[in-house]
Amino acid sequence: MEQKRAELLQNIEQNQVEIWPEHQHACTLFFAMASQWTISTGMAGVIFHGLKYEVLDAVQRRQPPDWQLDAPDDATLFAQLQILEREALRHLNAER
């Protein structure tokens, strides 16, 4: 997973991935939450269950002050984050 994450971040840095301005805050928050996945391990390998929502507020508060200036309302931001999470789960658990 770390390799996939590193490749994605490299592609973003090289402008190979377009992020629409209205989704920038959700994507920033999603990447900031990269180490906050609930997982389980067992005979089937690693299973990703979702993001740890209990740390979301703390992660959000630690974003730069100017990040909040044009941020969408909390409900919109959370809905966008959940869409990113669902897609990530689909890919992260696809190899099982």
Protein backbone atom coordinates (compact mmCIF):
# COMPACT_ATOMS: atom_id res chain seq x y z
CA MET A 1 0.00 0.00 0.00
CA GLU A 2 2.81 2.43 0.81
CA GLN A 3 4.18 2.01 -2.70
CA LYS A 4 0.76 2.74 -4.26
CA ARG A 5 0.36 5.79 -2.03
CA ALA A 6 3.84 7.05 -2.92
CA GLU A 7 3.14 6.62 -6.64
CA LEU A 8 -0.16 8.49 -6.36
CA LEU A 9 1.43 11.36 -4.43
CA GLN A 10 4.25 11.52 -6.99
CA ASN A 11 1.71 11.68 -9.82
CA ILE A 12 -0.13 14.48 -8.06
CA GLU A 13 3.10 16.39 -7.50
CA GLN A 14 3.96 16.00 -11.18
CA ASN A 15 0.50 17.35 -12.13
CA GLN A 16 -0.52 14.03 -13.68
CA VAL A 17 -3.70 13.97 -11.65
CA GLU A 18 -6.24 16.76 -11.91
CA ILE A 19 -8.13 17.69 -8.76
CA TRP A 20 -11.02 20.04 -9.27
CA PRO A 21 -10.91 23.10 -7.01
CA GLU A 22 -14.20 22.16 -5.33
CA HIS A 23 -12.63 18.84 -4.24
CA GLN A 24 -9.24 20.18 -3.13
CA HIS A 25 -10.11 20.36 0.57
CA ALA A 26 -11.50 16.81 0.67
CA CYS A 27 -8.44 15.45 -1.16
CA THR A 28 -6.07 17.31 1.17
CA LEU A 29 -7.91 15.94 4.19
CA PHE A 30 -8.00 12.44 2.69
CA PHE A 31 -4.23 12.42 2.18
CA ALA A 32 -3.71 13.85 5.68
CA MET A 33 -5.71 10.88 7.02
CA ALA A 34 -3.51 8.38 5.16
CA SER A 35 -2.23 6.77 8.37
CA GLN A 36 -5.66 6.62 9.99
CA TRP A 37 -7.17 3.45 8.49
CA THR A 38 -8.95 0.83 10.56
CA ILE A 39 -7.58 -2.52 9.44
CA SER A 40 -7.66 -6.14 10.49
CA THR A 41 -5.26 -8.91 9.65
CA GLY A 42 -5.73 -12.62 9.51
CA MET A 43 -5.60 -15.60 7.20
CA ALA A 44 -7.13 -13.51 4.41
CA GLY A 45 -4.41 -10.88 4.77
CA VAL A 46 -4.97 -7.21 5.51
CA ILE A 47 -8.55 -5.96 5.29
CA PHE A 48 -9.19 -2.23 5.23
CA HIS A 49 -12.46 -1.24 6.97
CA GLY A 50 -12.41 2.53 6.69
CA LEU A 51 -10.99 5.72 8.08
CA LYS A 52 -10.92 6.44 11.81
CA TYR A 53 -13.50 9.21 11.99
CA GLU A 54 -12.70 9.85 15.65
CA VAL A 55 -9.43 11.55 14.61
CA LEU A 56 -10.92 13.52 11.73
CA ASP A 57 -11.47 16.71 13.74
CA ALA A 58 -7.90 16.64 15.08
CA VAL A 59 -6.45 16.15 11.59
CA GLN A 60 -8.68 18.90 10.20
CA ARG A 61 -7.62 21.35 12.94
CA ARG A 62 -3.97 20.76 12.08
CA GLN A 63 -4.33 21.98 8.51
CA PRO A 64 -2.80 25.38 7.70
CA PRO A 65 -4.93 28.37 8.83
CA ASP A 66 -5.59 29.53 5.27
CA TRP A 67 -6.97 26.07 4.44
CA GLN A 68 -10.24 26.97 6.20
CA LEU A 69 -10.81 30.20 4.26
CA ASP A 70 -12.69 28.70 1.32
CA ALA A 71 -13.41 25.26 2.75
CA PRO A 72 -16.87 23.81 2.11
CA ASP A 73 -19.22 23.30 5.03
CA ASP A 74 -18.53 20.29 7.25
CA ALA A 75 -21.37 18.18 5.83
CA THR A 76 -20.16 18.65 2.25
CA LEU A 77 -16.53 18.01 3.20
CA PHE A 78 -17.48 14.84 5.09
CA ALA A 79 -19.59 13.56 2.18
CA GLN A 80 -16.71 14.14 -0.23
CA LEU A 81 -14.30 12.40 2.14
CA GLN A 82 -16.62 9.39 2.34
CA ILE A 83 -16.71 9.13 -1.46
CA LEU A 84 -12.91 9.10 -1.55
CA GLU A 85 -12.88 6.53 1.26
CA ARG A 86 -15.33 4.21 -0.54
CA GLU A 87 -13.27 4.28 -3.73
CA ALA A 88 -10.05 3.71 -1.81
CA LEU A 89 -11.59 0.74 0.02
CA ARG A 90 -12.69 -0.76 -3.28
CA HIS A 91 -9.12 -0.63 -4.55
CA LEU A 92 -7.34 -1.48 -1.31
CA ASN A 93 -9.45 -4.61 -0.76
CA ALA A 94 -9.60 -5.67 -4.41
CA GLU A 95 -6.56 -7.93 -4.19
CA ARG A 96 -8.14 -10.28 -1.66
